[in-house]
Protein backbone atom coordinates (compact mmCIF):
# COMPACT_ATOMS: atom_id res chain seq x y z
CA MET A 1 35.87 30.10 -12.58
CA ILE A 2 33.52 27.40 -11.84
CA ILE A 3 31.89 28.93 -9.13
CA ARG A 4 31.37 32.08 -11.93
CA ASN A 5 30.66 30.10 -14.43
CA ILE A 6 27.59 28.21 -11.92
CA LEU A 7 26.55 32.02 -11.14
CA VAL A 8 26.20 33.06 -14.40
CA GLY A 9 24.05 30.11 -15.39
CA TRP A 10 22.09 30.98 -12.73
CA ARG A 11 21.18 34.77 -13.44
CA ASN A 12 20.81 33.39 -16.85
CA ILE A 13 17.79 31.05 -15.67
CA GLN A 14 16.67 33.88 -13.50
CA LYS A 15 16.52 36.04 -16.51
CA ASN A 16 14.86 33.71 -19.18
CA GLY A 17 12.43 32.09 -16.17
CA ILE A 18 9.77 30.18 -18.70
CA PHE A 19 12.70 29.18 -21.46
CA SER A 20 14.89 28.53 -19.08
CA ILE A 21 12.09 25.81 -17.03
CA ILE A 22 11.05 24.30 -20.20
CA ASN A 23 14.82 23.56 -21.82
CA ILE A 24 15.32 22.36 -17.71
CA SER A 25 11.82 20.02 -17.93
CA GLY A 26 12.96 18.96 -21.89
CA LEU A 27 16.62 17.54 -20.92
CA SER A 28 14.98 15.77 -17.64
CA ILE A 29 12.64 14.22 -19.26
CA GLY A 30 14.85 12.90 -21.70
CA ILE A 31 17.04 11.56 -19.97
CA ALA A 32 14.69 9.60 -17.64
CA ILE A 33 13.45 8.54 -20.68
CA VAL A 34 16.77 6.96 -22.16
CA VAL A 35 17.63 5.32 -18.10
CA LEU A 36 13.73 3.49 -18.48
CA ILE A 37 15.05 2.61 -21.83
CA LEU A 38 18.22 1.10 -21.03
CA PHE A 39 16.34 -0.94 -17.64
CA TRP A 40 14.21 -2.31 -20.37
CA ILE A 41 17.20 -3.26 -22.99
CA VAL A 42 18.94 -5.35 -19.78
CA ASP A 43 15.64 -6.50 -18.14
CA GLU A 44 15.18 -7.94 -22.06
CA LEU A 45 18.95 -9.04 -22.59
CA SER A 46 18.84 -11.57 -19.52
CA PHE A 47 15.53 -12.90 -19.79
CA ASP A 48 15.70 -16.61 -18.79
CA LYS A 49 19.31 -16.11 -18.35
CA SER A 50 19.28 -17.78 -15.16
CA HIS A 51 19.08 -21.21 -16.47
CA LYS A 52 22.36 -22.99 -16.64
CA ASN A 53 21.62 -25.15 -19.86
CA LEU A 54 19.88 -22.13 -21.84
CA GLU A 55 21.62 -22.49 -25.12
CA GLN A 56 20.33 -26.06 -24.99
CA ILE A 57 17.06 -26.02 -24.28
CA TYR A 58 13.98 -26.16 -26.53
CA THR A 59 10.23 -26.35 -26.60
CA VAL A 60 8.63 -28.29 -28.65
CA TYR A 61 5.40 -27.14 -30.27
CA GLU A 62 2.56 -28.64 -32.06
CA HIS A 63 1.30 -27.35 -35.38
CA GLN A 64 -2.27 -28.37 -36.20
CA GLN A 65 -3.82 -28.28 -39.36
CA TYR A 66 -7.41 -29.19 -40.02
CA SER A 67 -9.43 -29.25 -43.57
CA GLU A 68 -11.86 -26.31 -42.77
CA GLY A 69 -7.93 -24.50 -43.56
CA GLN A 70 -7.94 -23.46 -39.92
CA GLU A 71 -4.54 -24.36 -37.63
CA LEU A 72 -3.04 -23.81 -33.96
CA PHE A 73 0.61 -23.33 -32.72
CA THR A 74 0.83 -24.67 -29.79
CA SER A 75 3.12 -25.67 -26.66
CA CYS A 76 0.38 -28.14 -25.51
CA THR A 77 2.07 -31.72 -26.54
CA PRO A 78 1.14 -35.19 -25.23
CA PHE A 79 2.21 -36.80 -21.88
CA PRO A 80 4.12 -39.47 -23.78
CA LEU A 81 6.08 -37.49 -25.79
CA SER A 82 8.87 -36.11 -23.63
CA GLN A 83 9.77 -39.98 -22.76
CA GLU A 84 9.44 -41.25 -26.35
CA LEU A 85 11.89 -38.16 -27.51
CA LYS A 86 14.62 -39.37 -24.70
CA LYS A 87 14.04 -43.23 -25.73
CA THR A 88 14.42 -42.38 -29.89
CA PHE A 89 16.92 -39.83 -30.11
CA PRO A 90 20.13 -40.14 -28.71
CA GLU A 91 21.18 -36.34 -29.37
CA ILE A 92 18.50 -35.77 -26.87
CA GLU A 93 20.43 -35.81 -23.48
CA ASN A 94 17.15 -35.16 -21.59
CA ALA A 95 13.07 -34.54 -21.30
CA THR A 96 10.87 -32.83 -19.33
CA THR A 97 6.64 -33.01 -18.64
CA TYR A 98 5.43 -30.32 -16.84
CA THR A 99 1.88 -28.16 -17.01
CA ASN A 100 1.38 -25.00 -14.71
CA ILE A 101 -1.98 -26.11 -12.95
CA TRP A 102 -2.49 -22.43 -11.26
CA ASP A 103 -4.15 -21.84 -7.99
CA GLN A 104 -4.99 -24.37 -5.61
CA LEU A 105 -6.18 -24.44 -2.17
CA ILE A 106 -2.73 -25.54 -0.09
CA LYS A 107 -3.52 -26.01 3.80
CA TYR A 108 -1.30 -26.97 6.94
CA GLY A 109 -2.98 -27.27 10.09
CA ASP A 110 -5.21 -24.24 10.47
CA LYS A 111 -3.69 -22.57 7.87
CA GLU A 112 -5.57 -22.28 4.55
CA TYR A 113 -4.45 -20.78 1.51
CA LYS A 114 -4.94 -20.58 -2.30
CA GLN A 115 -1.52 -20.26 -3.45
CA GLY A 116 -0.09 -20.22 -6.92
CA PRO A 117 0.98 -20.60 -9.93
CA VAL A 118 1.41 -24.67 -9.18
CA ILE A 119 3.56 -26.65 -11.91
CA SER A 120 3.24 -30.05 -11.64
CA VAL A 121 6.41 -31.63 -12.97
CA ASP A 122 7.99 -35.03 -13.48
CA SER A 123 11.62 -35.84 -11.85
CA ASN A 124 13.85 -34.09 -15.39
CA PHE A 125 12.59 -30.52 -14.73
CA LEU A 126 15.03 -29.07 -12.08
CA LYS A 127 17.92 -31.21 -14.62
CA ILE A 128 16.63 -28.94 -17.26
CA PHE A 129 15.99 -25.80 -15.88
CA THR A 130 18.06 -24.43 -13.23
CA PHE A 131 16.42 -22.79 -9.82
CA ASP A 132 18.38 -21.83 -6.91
CA ILE A 133 17.82 -24.34 -3.95
CA LEU A 134 18.05 -22.83 -1.09
CA GLU A 135 17.54 -25.61 1.43
CA GLY A 136 16.83 -28.98 1.52
CA ASP A 137 17.73 -32.10 -1.84
CA PRO A 138 17.41 -31.00 -5.19
CA ASN A 139 16.65 -33.80 -5.94
CA THR A 140 13.33 -34.01 -4.18
CA LEU A 141 10.71 -34.67 -7.44
CA SER A 142 11.92 -38.04 -7.53
CA SER A 143 9.51 -39.03 -4.98
CA LYS A 144 6.22 -39.13 -5.57
CA ASP A 145 5.28 -38.00 -2.40
CA LYS A 146 7.54 -34.79 -1.97
CA MET A 147 7.00 -31.35 -2.96
CA ILE A 148 9.29 -28.13 -3.13
CA ILE A 149 7.86 -24.92 -2.09
CA SER A 150 8.79 -21.02 -2.75
CA GLU A 151 11.01 -18.91 0.31
CA GLU A 152 8.07 -16.47 0.10
CA MET A 153 5.61 -19.81 0.43
CA ALA A 154 7.54 -21.46 3.22
CA HIS A 155 7.24 -17.89 5.10
CA LEU A 156 3.05 -17.79 4.36
CA PHE A 157 3.14 -21.14 6.47
CA PHE A 158 5.77 -21.44 8.54
CA GLY A 159 7.02 -17.80 9.51
CA ASP A 160 10.82 -18.60 10.64
CA GLU A 161 10.50 -22.23 11.24
CA SER A 162 12.18 -24.66 8.51
CA ALA A 163 9.28 -25.83 6.05
CA ILE A 164 11.39 -29.30 5.58
CA GLY A 165 9.53 -32.23 6.24
CA LYS A 166 6.65 -30.79 7.16
CA THR A 167 3.45 -31.95 5.10
CA LEU A 168 0.96 -29.72 2.98
CA THR A 169 -2.29 -31.20 1.81
CA LEU A 170 -3.38 -30.08 -1.78
CA ASN A 171 -7.18 -29.48 -1.94
CA GLY A 172 -8.15 -31.46 0.50
CA GLN A 173 -6.85 -34.51 -1.37
CA ALA A 174 -2.97 -35.41 -1.64
CA THR A 175 -0.25 -34.77 0.79
CA TYR A 176 3.16 -33.63 0.21
CA THR A 177 6.58 -33.33 2.77
CA VAL A 178 8.37 -30.37 1.94
CA GLY A 179 11.96 -31.20 0.73
CA ALA A 180 13.28 -28.32 -0.81
CA ILE A 181 12.53 -24.34 -0.90
CA ALA A 182 13.47 -21.90 -3.77
CA ALA A 183 14.45 -19.39 -4.24
CA SER A 184 11.42 -17.03 -5.09
CA GLN A 185 12.21 -16.32 -9.11
CA LYS A 186 12.93 -13.21 -10.65
CA THR A 187 10.83 -10.98 -12.74
CA ASN A 188 12.32 -12.18 -16.03
CA THR A 189 12.10 -15.84 -16.04
CA SER A 190 9.35 -17.18 -17.89
CA ILE A 191 8.23 -19.91 -15.60
CA LYS A 192 7.30 -18.74 -12.34
CA PHE A 193 5.93 -20.96 -9.30
CA LYS A 194 4.32 -20.98 -5.72
CA ALA A 195 4.96 -24.25 -5.65
CA LEU A 196 6.46 -27.44 -8.09
CA ILE A 197 4.65 -30.94 -7.11
CA PRO A 198 4.86 -34.05 -8.89
CA ILE A 199 3.54 -34.93 -12.29
CA ASP A 200 1.59 -38.14 -10.34
CA TYR A 201 -0.59 -35.77 -9.36
CA LEU A 202 -2.48 -35.55 -12.01
CA GLU A 203 -2.62 -39.31 -12.51
CA SER A 204 -4.78 -39.26 -9.41
CA GLN A 205 -6.97 -37.18 -10.80
CA GLY A 206 -7.87 -39.80 -13.74
CA VAL A 207 -5.41 -38.17 -16.55
CA ASN A 208 -4.10 -40.58 -18.88
CA PHE A 209 -0.39 -40.70 -19.35
CA THR A 210 -0.10 -43.21 -22.00
CA GLN A 211 -2.48 -41.39 -24.27
CA TRP A 212 -1.03 -39.68 -27.36
CA GLY A 213 -4.56 -37.47 -28.19
CA ASN A 214 -4.37 -35.76 -24.61
CA ASN A 215 -2.62 -32.45 -25.79
CA TRP A 216 -2.11 -30.75 -22.11
CA PRO A 217 1.30 -30.28 -20.88
CA ASN A 218 4.60 -28.38 -22.03
CA THR A 219 7.67 -30.83 -23.26
CA ASN A 220 11.05 -29.33 -23.31
CA ILE A 221 13.86 -31.19 -24.23
CA LEU A 222 18.27 -30.51 -23.76
CA LEU A 223 20.12 -31.08 -26.61
CA ALA A 224 23.61 -32.48 -26.34
CA LYS A 225 25.97 -30.11 -27.11
CA GLY A 226 26.94 -29.51 -30.91
CA THR A 227 23.44 -30.83 -32.42
CA ASP A 228 21.97 -28.92 -34.50
CA TYR A 229 18.12 -28.90 -33.99
CA LYS A 230 16.82 -28.01 -37.29
CA THR A 231 18.25 -31.80 -38.30
CA LEU A 232 16.68 -33.38 -35.27
CA ASN A 233 13.46 -30.87 -36.28
CA SER A 234 13.43 -33.42 -39.19
CA LYS A 235 13.26 -36.34 -37.60
CA ILE A 236 10.72 -35.78 -35.03
CA ILE A 237 8.36 -33.91 -37.05
CA ASN A 238 5.93 -36.30 -37.48
CA LEU A 239 6.07 -38.49 -34.56
CA CYS A 240 2.82 -37.57 -33.51
CA LYS A 241 1.06 -38.64 -36.97
CA GLU A 242 2.87 -42.19 -36.33
CA ASN A 243 0.84 -42.35 -33.04
CA GLY A 244 -3.15 -41.28 -34.32
CA GLN A 245 -2.83 -37.62 -34.39
CA PRO A 246 -2.46 -37.26 -38.35
CA ASN A 247 -3.48 -33.47 -38.56
CA THR A 248 -0.49 -32.74 -35.77
CA SER A 249 3.01 -31.89 -36.67
CA LEU A 250 5.84 -31.28 -34.28
CA HIS A 251 8.47 -28.45 -34.45
CA LEU A 252 10.89 -27.21 -32.09
CA SER A 253 11.81 -23.49 -31.03
CA PRO A 254 15.10 -22.68 -29.32
CA TYR A 255 13.74 -21.77 -25.27
CA LYS A 256 16.23 -18.86 -25.01
CA LYS A 257 14.38 -16.99 -28.33
CA GLU A 258 10.44 -17.58 -26.75
CA HIS A 259 10.02 -14.46 -25.42
C-alpha cells in the first residue's frame, strides 16, 4: 500500500511538474523558516542562563538630566559606587565593578598579539557572574598580579602546554601571571572576554577610584533572595546626588531582561 501511494505520488509529480516544483519548494522554504525561527527562540530564551545567580543579578543605570532638556541613560557609573552600595545596603549580598578595555597588546616571549575583549574587573566579578573555569584557581582575581585567560587565548600563546603560572605582558607595561583558564564563552552571553585582569590596572594608568564624577565602569549587584528591587531602587536613587552629581539618579534593571 505504501509503495503504491509513493508510485501514484511520483506519477502526479511527473504529470504536473511545474506545479509540483512550486509546491514542494514552497513547503521546503516554509519548513526551513519555521526551523530557523525555533532556533532563534531557543537561543533568545537561553541568553545569559549560564549565570547561576541570574535571578538575583541587577545592573545599576544612571539617568542624567540636563538643563537644556537633554537626558541620558547609561550603565557607566562611578568607580566608588559598588563598594558604597555593598557597605550601605544589607540587602545587597555582593557588588562588582568592571569595564571592558577592548583589544590590548599582549606578549609572551617572542609572541605578541592584539587580543580582546580584555575586561578589567574587581575580585567580586566571578562571585556574581558564572564562567566555567577549566584549570587553575577561580579566586585568582583576588591577586593584583594574576589574570584569567580564555582557553582560546591559552592555545594561541601556549599551544598544548599548560598556561598556568606563565607570565604575560600587557601593552609593554604590566605583567600578570596566568592563574586560571576559562572556557570560551558561548555566543548567547552578554559578557565575552579573552582575558580578565585586575581592575587595579586602571589605577596604574591614572584612574582615580575615589572620584564620584568619574563615570566609566559597569556596576552590577547581587540581591539577597526575596528582595524587592523596586524598594531598593527607591533607596539608592539619590546616591549620586548625595555625592556631587546633582543631575544624576540611579536605577536598577534586572540583568535577565537586558538582552
